[in-house]
Amino acid sequence: REIEDKIHIKLLYIPNIPDESVPTGKSEEDNI
């Protein structure tokens, strides 16, 4: 449980990876 808690805390710092179909853009205006 202690190890799982530590893993959970570390996972909170990993950002979500966008799907490959998401277009790259510099700002909100580049969203389709």
PDB file of all heavy atoms in Angstrom:
ATOM      1  N   ARG A   1       0.830  -1.210   0.000  1.00  0.00           N
ATOM      2  CA  ARG A   1       0.000   0.000   0.000  1.00  0.00           C
ATOM      3  C   ARG A   1       0.865   1.261   0.000  1.00  0.00           C
ATOM      4  O   ARG A   1       0.560   2.225  -0.695  1.00  0.00           O
ATOM      5  CB  ARG A   1      -0.929   0.001   1.214  1.00  0.00           C
ATOM      6  CG  ARG A   1      -2.212  -0.738   0.940  1.00  0.00           C
ATOM      7  CD  ARG A   1      -3.229  -0.545   2.051  1.00  0.00           C
ATOM      8  NE  ARG A   1      -3.644  -1.891   2.450  1.00  0.00           N
ATOM      9  CZ  ARG A   1      -3.529  -2.393   3.668  1.00  0.00           C
ATOM     10  NH1 ARG A   1      -3.062  -1.661   4.648  1.00  0.00           N
ATOM     11  NH2 ARG A   1      -3.926  -3.614   3.929  1.00  0.00           N
ATOM     12  N   GLU A   2       1.929   1.251   0.785  1.00  0.00           N
ATOM     13  CA  GLU A   2       2.828   2.407   0.819  1.00  0.00           C
ATOM     14  C   GLU A   2       3.462   2.641  -0.545  1.00  0.00           C
ATOM     15  O   GLU A   2       3.543   3.780  -1.024  1.00  0.00           O
ATOM     16  CB  GLU A   2       3.913   2.201   1.869  1.00  0.00           C
ATOM     17  CG  GLU A   2       3.417   2.247   3.291  1.00  0.00           C
ATOM     18  CD  GLU A   2       4.497   1.873   4.309  1.00  0.00           C
ATOM     19  OE1 GLU A   2       5.653   1.598   3.900  1.00  0.00           O
ATOM     20  OE2 GLU A   2       4.176   1.843   5.504  1.00  0.00           O
ATOM     21  N   ILE A   3       3.903   1.571  -1.186  1.00  0.00           N
ATOM     22  CA  ILE A   3       4.522   1.684  -2.511  1.00  0.00           C
ATOM     23  C   ILE A   3       3.497   2.156  -3.537  1.00  0.00           C
ATOM     24  O   ILE A   3       3.793   3.025  -4.366  1.00  0.00           O
ATOM     25  CB  ILE A   3       5.149   0.338  -2.930  1.00  0.00           C
ATOM     26  CG1 ILE A   3       6.357   0.042  -2.033  1.00  0.00           C
ATOM     27  CG2 ILE A   3       5.554   0.346  -4.398  1.00  0.00           C
ATOM     28  CD1 ILE A   3       6.908  -1.362  -2.178  1.00  0.00           C
ATOM     29  N   GLU A   4       2.282   1.617  -3.479  1.00  0.00           N
ATOM     30  CA  GLU A   4       1.234   2.043  -4.414  1.00  0.00           C
ATOM     31  C   GLU A   4       0.909   3.520  -4.233  1.00  0.00           C
ATOM     32  O   GLU A   4       0.673   4.228  -5.212  1.00  0.00           O
ATOM     33  CB  GLU A   4      -0.017   1.187  -4.231  1.00  0.00           C
ATOM     34  CG  GLU A   4       0.116  -0.207  -4.790  1.00  0.00           C
ATOM     35  CD  GLU A   4      -1.093  -1.087  -4.504  1.00  0.00           C
ATOM     36  OE1 GLU A   4      -1.878  -0.767  -3.572  1.00  0.00           O
ATOM     37  OE2 GLU A   4      -1.238  -2.096  -5.204  1.00  0.00           O
ATOM     38  N   ASP A   5       0.891   3.984  -2.983  1.00  0.00           N
ATOM     39  CA  ASP A   5       0.644   5.410  -2.730  1.00  0.00           C
ATOM     40  C   ASP A   5       1.745   6.273  -3.338  1.00  0.00           C
ATOM     41  O   ASP A   5       1.471   7.305  -3.949  1.00  0.00           O
ATOM     42  CB  ASP A   5       0.537   5.686  -1.227  1.00  0.00           C
ATOM     43  CG  ASP A   5      -0.749   5.152  -0.619  1.00  0.00           C
ATOM     44  OD1 ASP A   5      -1.689   4.845  -1.375  1.00  0.00           O
ATOM     45  OD2 ASP A   5      -0.795   5.041   0.629  1.00  0.00           O
ATOM     46  N   LYS A   6       2.992   5.850  -3.192  1.00  0.00           N
ATOM     47  CA  LYS A   6       4.112   6.597  -3.775  1.00  0.00           C
ATOM     48  C   LYS A   6       4.019   6.614  -5.296  1.00  0.00           C
ATOM     49  O   LYS A   6       4.258   7.644  -5.927  1.00  0.00           O
ATOM     50  CB  LYS A   6       5.444   5.994  -3.334  1.00  0.00           C
ATOM     51  CG  LYS A   6       5.771   6.243  -1.879  1.00  0.00           C
ATOM     52  CD  LYS A   6       7.079   5.595  -1.496  1.00  0.00           C
ATOM     53  CE  LYS A   6       7.377   5.783  -0.012  1.00  0.00           C
ATOM     54  NZ  LYS A   6       8.622   5.124   0.401  1.00  0.00           N
ATOM     55  N   ILE A   7       3.661   5.478  -5.882  1.00  0.00           N
ATOM     56  CA  ILE A   7       3.515   5.403  -7.341  1.00  0.00           C
ATOM     57  C   ILE A   7       2.400   6.343  -7.784  1.00  0.00           C
ATOM     58  O   ILE A   7       2.546   7.084  -8.767  1.00  0.00           O
ATOM     59  CB  ILE A   7       3.224   3.957  -7.788  1.00  0.00           C
ATOM     60  CG1 ILE A   7       4.476   3.098  -7.616  1.00  0.00           C
ATOM     61  CG2 ILE A   7       2.745   3.916  -9.236  1.00  0.00           C
ATOM     62  CD1 ILE A   7       4.245   1.613  -7.840  1.00  0.00           C
ATOM     63  N   HIS A   8       1.279   6.317  -7.082  1.00  0.00           N
ATOM     64  CA  HIS A   8       0.147   7.173  -7.435  1.00  0.00           C
ATOM     65  C   HIS A   8       0.550   8.644  -7.413  1.00  0.00           C
ATOM     66  O   HIS A   8       0.227   9.403  -8.332  1.00  0.00           O
ATOM     67  CB  HIS A   8      -1.017   6.923  -6.472  1.00  0.00           C
ATOM     68  CG  HIS A   8      -2.208   7.773  -6.736  1.00  0.00           C
ATOM     69  ND1 HIS A   8      -3.035   7.587  -7.807  1.00  0.00           N
ATOM     70  CD2 HIS A   8      -2.688   8.848  -6.065  1.00  0.00           C
ATOM     71  CE1 HIS A   8      -3.980   8.504  -7.796  1.00  0.00           C
ATOM     72  NE2 HIS A   8      -3.794   9.288  -6.742  1.00  0.00           N
ATOM     73  N   ILE A   9       1.274   9.056  -6.390  1.00  0.00           N
ATOM     74  CA  ILE A   9       1.721  10.447  -6.284  1.00  0.00           C
ATOM     75  C   ILE A   9       2.640  10.802  -7.452  1.00  0.00           C
ATOM     76  O   ILE A   9       2.515  11.868  -8.058  1.00  0.00           O
ATOM     77  CB  ILE A   9       2.412  10.692  -4.928  1.00  0.00           C
ATOM     78  CG1 ILE A   9       1.368  10.665  -3.809  1.00  0.00           C
ATOM     79  CG2 ILE A   9       3.150  12.020  -4.922  1.00  0.00           C
ATOM     80  CD1 ILE A   9       1.950  10.625  -2.415  1.00  0.00           C
ATOM     81  N   LYS A  10       3.560   9.917  -7.808  1.00  0.00           N
ATOM     82  CA  LYS A  10       4.466  10.184  -8.931  1.00  0.00           C
ATOM     83  C   LYS A  10       3.706  10.241 -10.251  1.00  0.00           C
ATOM     84  O   LYS A  10       4.018  11.048 -11.126  1.00  0.00           O
ATOM     85  CB  LYS A  10       5.565   9.133  -8.982  1.00  0.00           C
ATOM     86  CG  LYS A  10       6.531   9.262  -7.813  1.00  0.00           C
ATOM     87  CD  LYS A  10       7.788   8.484  -8.044  1.00  0.00           C
ATOM     88  CE  LYS A  10       8.702   8.566  -6.861  1.00  0.00           C
ATOM     89  NZ  LYS A  10       9.371   9.825  -6.695  1.00  0.00           N
ATOM     90  N   LEU A  11       2.688   9.395 -10.420  1.00  0.00           N
ATOM     91  CA  LEU A  11       1.908   9.393 -11.653  1.00  0.00           C
ATOM     92  C   LEU A  11       1.137  10.692 -11.848  1.00  0.00           C
ATOM     93  O   LEU A  11       0.844  11.082 -12.981  1.00  0.00           O
ATOM     94  CB  LEU A  11       0.944   8.207 -11.672  1.00  0.00           C
ATOM     95  CG  LEU A  11       1.570   6.832 -11.893  1.00  0.00           C
ATOM     96  CD1 LEU A  11       0.512   5.742 -11.736  1.00  0.00           C
ATOM     97  CD2 LEU A  11       2.232   6.738 -13.250  1.00  0.00           C
ATOM     98  N   LEU A  12       0.820  11.375 -10.754  1.00  0.00           N
ATOM     99  CA  LEU A  12       0.103  12.647 -10.869  1.00  0.00           C
ATOM    100  C   LEU A  12       0.938  13.713 -11.576  1.00  0.00           C
ATOM    101  O   LEU A  12       0.399  14.686 -12.102  1.00  0.00           O
ATOM    102  CB  LEU A  12      -0.313  13.141  -9.481  1.00  0.00           C
ATOM    103  CG  LEU A  12      -1.376  12.309  -8.774  1.00  0.00           C
ATOM    104  CD1 LEU A  12      -1.581  12.827  -7.349  1.00  0.00           C
ATOM    105  CD2 LEU A  12      -2.686  12.324  -9.534  1.00  0.00           C
ATOM    106  N   TYR A  13       2.249  13.550 -11.606  1.00  0.00           N
ATOM    107  CA  TYR A  13       3.136  14.525 -12.239  1.00  0.00           C
ATOM    108  C   TYR A  13       3.375  14.239 -13.720  1.00  0.00           C
ATOM    109  O   TYR A  13       3.983  15.044 -14.410  1.00  0.00           O
ATOM    110  CB  TYR A  13       4.471  14.579 -11.498  1.00  0.00           C
ATOM    111  CG  TYR A  13       4.352  15.213 -10.137  1.00  0.00           C
ATOM    112  CD1 TYR A  13       4.196  14.442  -9.002  1.00  0.00           C
ATOM    113  CD2 TYR A  13       4.347  16.599  -9.994  1.00  0.00           C
ATOM    114  CE1 TYR A  13       4.064  15.014  -7.746  1.00  0.00           C
ATOM    115  CE2 TYR A  13       4.205  17.186  -8.752  1.00  0.00           C
ATOM    116  CZ  TYR A  13       4.074  16.389  -7.622  1.00  0.00           C
ATOM    117  OH  TYR A  13       3.927  16.966  -6.392  1.00  0.00           O
ATOM    118  N   ILE A  14       2.916  13.102 -14.206  1.00  0.00           N
ATOM    119  CA  ILE A  14       3.100  12.756 -15.620  1.00  0.00           C
ATOM    120  C   ILE A  14       1.928  13.340 -16.405  1.00  0.00           C
ATOM    121  O   ILE A  14       0.769  13.033 -16.113  1.00  0.00           O
ATOM    122  CB  ILE A  14       3.168  11.232 -15.813  1.00  0.00           C
ATOM    123  CG1 ILE A  14       4.356  10.667 -15.042  1.00  0.00           C
ATOM    124  CG2 ILE A  14       3.253  10.882 -17.300  1.00  0.00           C
ATOM    125  CD1 ILE A  14       4.427   9.155 -15.050  1.00  0.00           C
ATOM    126  N   PRO A  15       2.196  14.173 -17.402  1.00  0.00           N
ATOM    127  CA  PRO A  15       1.090  14.770 -18.162  1.00  0.00           C
ATOM    128  C   PRO A  15       0.424  13.743 -19.079  1.00  0.00           C
ATOM    129  O   PRO A  15       1.018  12.718 -19.427  1.00  0.00           O
ATOM    130  CB  PRO A  15       1.782  15.860 -18.982  1.00  0.00           C
ATOM    131  CG  PRO A  15       3.179  15.390 -19.123  1.00  0.00           C
ATOM    132  CD  PRO A  15       3.499  14.628 -17.859  1.00  0.00           C
ATOM    133  N   ASN A  16      -0.826  14.026 -19.430  1.00  0.00           N
ATOM    134  CA  ASN A  16      -1.521  13.186 -20.399  1.00  0.00           C
ATOM    135  C   ASN A  16      -0.899  13.388 -21.767  1.00  0.00           C
ATOM    136  O   ASN A  16      -0.596  14.511 -22.168  1.00  0.00           O
ATOM    137  CB  ASN A  16      -3.004  13.547 -20.466  1.00  0.00           C
ATOM    138  CG  ASN A  16      -3.746  13.106 -19.242  1.00  0.00           C
ATOM    139  OD1 ASN A  16      -3.367  12.135 -18.604  1.00  0.00           O
ATOM    140  ND2 ASN A  16      -4.814  13.811 -18.906  1.00  0.00           N
ATOM    141  N   ILE A  17      -0.727  12.319 -22.501  1.00  0.00           N
ATOM    142  CA  ILE A  17      -0.170  12.394 -23.853  1.00  0.00           C
ATOM    143  C   ILE A  17      -1.342  12.517 -24.822  1.00  0.00           C
ATOM    144  O   ILE A  17      -2.239  11.678 -24.821  1.00  0.00           O
ATOM    145  CB  ILE A  17       0.666  11.146 -24.175  1.00  0.00           C
ATOM    146  CG1 ILE A  17       1.828  11.051 -23.179  1.00  0.00           C
ATOM    147  CG2 ILE A  17       1.160  11.179 -25.611  1.00  0.00           C
ATOM    148  CD1 ILE A  17       2.600   9.764 -23.260  1.00  0.00           C
ATOM    149  N   PRO A  18      -1.352  13.578 -25.647  1.00  0.00           N
ATOM    150  CA  PRO A  18      -2.457  13.736 -26.599  1.00  0.00           C
ATOM    151  C   PRO A  18      -2.473  12.595 -27.618  1.00  0.00           C
ATOM    152  O   PRO A  18      -1.439  12.025 -27.963  1.00  0.00           O
ATOM    153  CB  PRO A  18      -2.151  15.062 -27.297  1.00  0.00           C
ATOM    154  CG  PRO A  18      -1.160  15.754 -26.437  1.00  0.00           C
ATOM    155  CD  PRO A  18      -0.424  14.686 -25.708  1.00  0.00           C
ATOM    156  N   ASP A  19      -3.654  12.296 -28.097  1.00  0.00           N
ATOM    157  CA  ASP A  19      -3.817  11.292 -29.142  1.00  0.00           C
ATOM    158  C   ASP A  19      -3.104  11.759 -30.400  1.00  0.00           C
ATOM    159  O   ASP A  19      -2.955  12.960 -30.639  1.00  0.00           O
ATOM    160  CB  ASP A  19      -5.317  11.099 -29.412  1.00  0.00           C
ATOM    161  CG  ASP A  19      -5.581   9.948 -30.352  1.00  0.00           C
ATOM    162  OD1 ASP A  19      -5.605   8.796 -29.882  1.00  0.00           O
ATOM    163  OD2 ASP A  19      -5.764  10.219 -31.552  1.00  0.00           O
ATOM    164  N   GLU A  20      -2.667  10.811 -31.213  1.00  0.00           N
ATOM    165  CA  GLU A  20      -1.948  11.145 -32.459  1.00  0.00           C
ATOM    166  C   GLU A  20      -2.798  11.979 -33.409  1.00  0.00           C
ATOM    167  O   GLU A  20      -2.267  12.727 -34.226  1.00  0.00           O
ATOM    168  CB  GLU A  20      -1.498   9.867 -33.157  1.00  0.00           C
ATOM    169  CG  GLU A  20      -0.425   9.117 -32.411  1.00  0.00           C
ATOM    170  CD  GLU A  20      -0.053   7.795 -33.082  1.00  0.00           C
ATOM    171  OE1 GLU A  20      -0.577   7.500 -34.174  1.00  0.00           O
ATOM    172  OE2 GLU A  20       0.762   7.081 -32.494  1.00  0.00           O
ATOM    173  N   SER A  21      -4.128  11.863 -33.296  1.00  0.00           N
ATOM    174  CA  SER A  21      -5.007  12.597 -34.211  1.00  0.00           C
ATOM    175  C   SER A  21      -5.162  14.070 -33.809  1.00  0.00           C
ATOM    176  O   SER A  21      -5.709  14.860 -34.565  1.00  0.00           O
ATOM    177  CB  SER A  21      -6.389  11.937 -34.243  1.00  0.00           C
ATOM    178  OG  SER A  21      -7.023  12.048 -32.977  1.00  0.00           O
ATOM    179  N   VAL A  22      -4.659  14.455 -32.642  1.00  0.00           N
ATOM    180  CA  VAL A  22      -4.775  15.839 -32.183  1.00  0.00           C
ATOM    181  C   VAL A  22      -3.773  16.699 -32.947  1.00  0.00           C
ATOM    182  O   VAL A  22      -2.579  16.422 -32.939  1.00  0.00           O
ATOM    183  CB  VAL A  22      -4.508  15.934 -30.658  1.00  0.00           C
ATOM    184  CG1 VAL A  22      -4.528  17.388 -30.205  1.00  0.00           C
ATOM    185  CG2 VAL A  22      -5.514  15.116 -29.890  1.00  0.00           C
ATOM    186  N   PRO A  23      -4.261  17.750 -33.631  1.00  0.00           N
ATOM    187  CA  PRO A  23      -3.344  18.598 -34.392  1.00  0.00           C
ATOM    188  C   PRO A  23      -2.452  19.430 -33.461  1.00  0.00           C
ATOM    189  O   PRO A  23      -2.865  19.829 -32.385  1.00  0.00           O
ATOM    190  CB  PRO A  23      -4.263  19.496 -35.213  1.00  0.00           C
ATOM    191  CG  PRO A  23      -5.549  19.491 -34.494  1.00  0.00           C
ATOM    192  CD  PRO A  23      -5.641  18.178 -33.770  1.00  0.00           C
ATOM    193  N   THR A  24      -1.239  19.683 -33.908  1.00  0.00           N
ATOM    194  CA  THR A  24      -0.303  20.504 -33.152  1.00  0.00           C
ATOM    195  C   THR A  24      -0.628  21.972 -33.393  1.00  0.00           C
ATOM    196  O   THR A  24      -0.903  22.381 -34.514  1.00  0.00           O
ATOM    197  CB  THR A  24       1.142  20.217 -33.603  1.00  0.00           C
ATOM    198  OG1 THR A  24       1.382  18.826 -33.467  1.00  0.00           O
ATOM    199  CG2 THR A  24       2.135  20.974 -32.766  1.00  0.00           C
ATOM    200  N   GLY A  25      -0.605  22.754 -32.344  1.00  0.00           N
ATOM    201  CA  GLY A  25      -0.887  24.180 -32.477  1.00  0.00           C
ATOM    202  C   GLY A  25      -0.195  24.951 -31.384  1.00  0.00           C
ATOM    203  O   GLY A  25       0.253  24.392 -30.392  1.00  0.00           O
ATOM    204  N   LYS A  26      -0.099  26.264 -31.593  1.00  0.00           N
ATOM    205  CA  LYS A  26       0.573  27.127 -30.623  1.00  0.00           C
ATOM    206  C   LYS A  26      -0.390  27.740 -29.630  1.00  0.00           C
ATOM    207  O   LYS A  26       0.001  28.131 -28.549  1.00  0.00           O
ATOM    208  CB  LYS A  26       1.339  28.235 -31.344  1.00  0.00           C
ATOM    209  CG  LYS A  26       2.496  27.711 -32.157  1.00  0.00           C
ATOM    210  CD  LYS A  26       3.250  28.845 -32.792  1.00  0.00           C
ATOM    211  CE  LYS A  26       4.413  28.299 -33.605  1.00  0.00           C
ATOM    212  NZ  LYS A  26       5.230  29.343 -34.182  1.00  0.00           N
ATOM    213  N   SER A  27      -1.656  27.840 -29.992  1.00  0.00           N
ATOM    214  CA  SER A  27      -2.612  28.489 -29.108  1.00  0.00           C
ATOM    215  C   SER A  27      -3.985  27.854 -29.279  1.00  0.00           C
ATOM    216  O   SER A  27      -4.199  26.980 -30.118  1.00  0.00           O
ATOM    217  CB  SER A  27      -2.688  29.990 -29.404  1.00  0.00           C
ATOM    218  OG  SER A  27      -3.322  30.193 -30.646  1.00  0.00           O
ATOM    219  N   GLU A  28      -4.909  28.350 -28.516  1.00  0.00           N
ATOM    220  CA  GLU A  28      -6.290  27.872 -28.552  1.00  0.00           C
ATOM    221  C   GLU A  28      -6.925  28.078 -29.924  1.00  0.00           C
ATOM    222  O   GLU A  28      -7.781  27.312 -30.354  1.00  0.00           O
ATOM    223  CB  GLU A  28      -7.042  28.650 -27.477  1.00  0.00           C
ATOM    224  CG  GLU A  28      -8.464  28.284 -27.282  1.00  0.00           C
ATOM    225  CD  GLU A  28      -9.062  29.048 -26.118  1.00  0.00           C
ATOM    226  OE1 GLU A  28      -8.410  29.167 -25.072  1.00  0.00           O
ATOM    227  OE2 GLU A  28     -10.196  29.524 -26.293  1.00  0.00           O
ATOM    228  N   GLU A  29      -6.489  29.114 -30.630  1.00  0.00           N
ATOM    229  CA  GLU A  29      -7.047  29.410 -31.955  1.00  0.00           C
ATOM    230  C   GLU A  29      -6.695  28.332 -32.979  1.00  0.00           C
ATOM    231  O   GLU A  29      -7.336  28.229 -34.016  1.00  0.00           O
ATOM    232  CB  GLU A  29      -6.555  30.780 -32.456  1.00  0.00           C
ATOM    233  CG  GLU A  29      -7.234  31.970 -31.789  1.00  0.00           C
ATOM    234  CD  GLU A  29      -6.756  32.198 -30.365  1.00  0.00           C
ATOM    235  OE1 GLU A  29      -5.566  31.959 -30.068  1.00  0.00           O
ATOM    236  OE2 GLU A  29      -7.591  32.606 -29.538  1.00  0.00           O
ATOM    237  N   ASP A  30      -5.660  27.539 -32.727  1.00  0.00           N
ATOM    238  CA  ASP A  30      -5.263  26.479 -33.652  1.00  0.00           C
ATOM    239  C   ASP A  30      -6.111  25.219 -33.505  1.00  0.00           C
ATOM    240  O   ASP A  30      -5.959  24.278 -34.282  1.00  0.00           O
ATOM    241  CB  ASP A  30      -3.784  26.116 -33.448  1.00  0.00           C
ATOM    242  CG  ASP A  30      -2.855  27.266 -33.789  1.00  0.00           C
ATOM    243  OD1 ASP A  30      -3.217  28.066 -34.680  1.00  0.00           O
ATOM    244  OD2 ASP A  30      -1.789  27.376 -33.165  1.00  0.00           O
ATOM    245  N   ASN A  31      -6.994  25.193 -32.495  1.00  0.00           N
ATOM    246  CA  ASN A  31      -7.858  24.028 -32.299  1.00  0.00           C
ATOM    247  C   ASN A  31      -8.895  23.952 -33.402  1.00  0.00           C
ATOM    248  O   ASN A  31      -9.446  24.959 -33.839  1.00  0.00           O
ATOM    249  CB  ASN A  31      -8.567  24.100 -30.945  1.00  0.00           C
ATOM    250  CG  ASN A  31      -7.602  23.950 -29.788  1.00  0.00           C
ATOM    251  OD1 ASN A  31      -6.536  23.377 -29.936  1.00  0.00           O
ATOM    252  ND2 ASN A  31      -7.994  24.469 -28.642  1.00  0.00           N
ATOM    253  N   ILE A  32      -9.178  22.744 -33.831  1.00  0.00           N
ATOM    254  CA  ILE A  32     -10.174  22.518 -34.868  1.00  0.00           C
ATOM    255  C   ILE A  32     -11.439  21.999 -34.193  1.00  0.00           C
ATOM    256  O   ILE A  32     -11.395  21.022 -33.454  1.00  0.00           O
ATOM    257  CB  ILE A  32      -9.680  21.483 -35.891  1.00  0.00           C
ATOM    258  CG1 ILE A  32      -8.404  21.982 -36.568  1.00  0.00           C
ATOM    259  CG2 ILE A  32     -10.754  21.174 -36.921  1.00  0.00           C
ATOM    260  CD1 ILE A  32      -7.715  20.916 -37.395  1.00  0.00           C
TER     261      ILE A  32
END
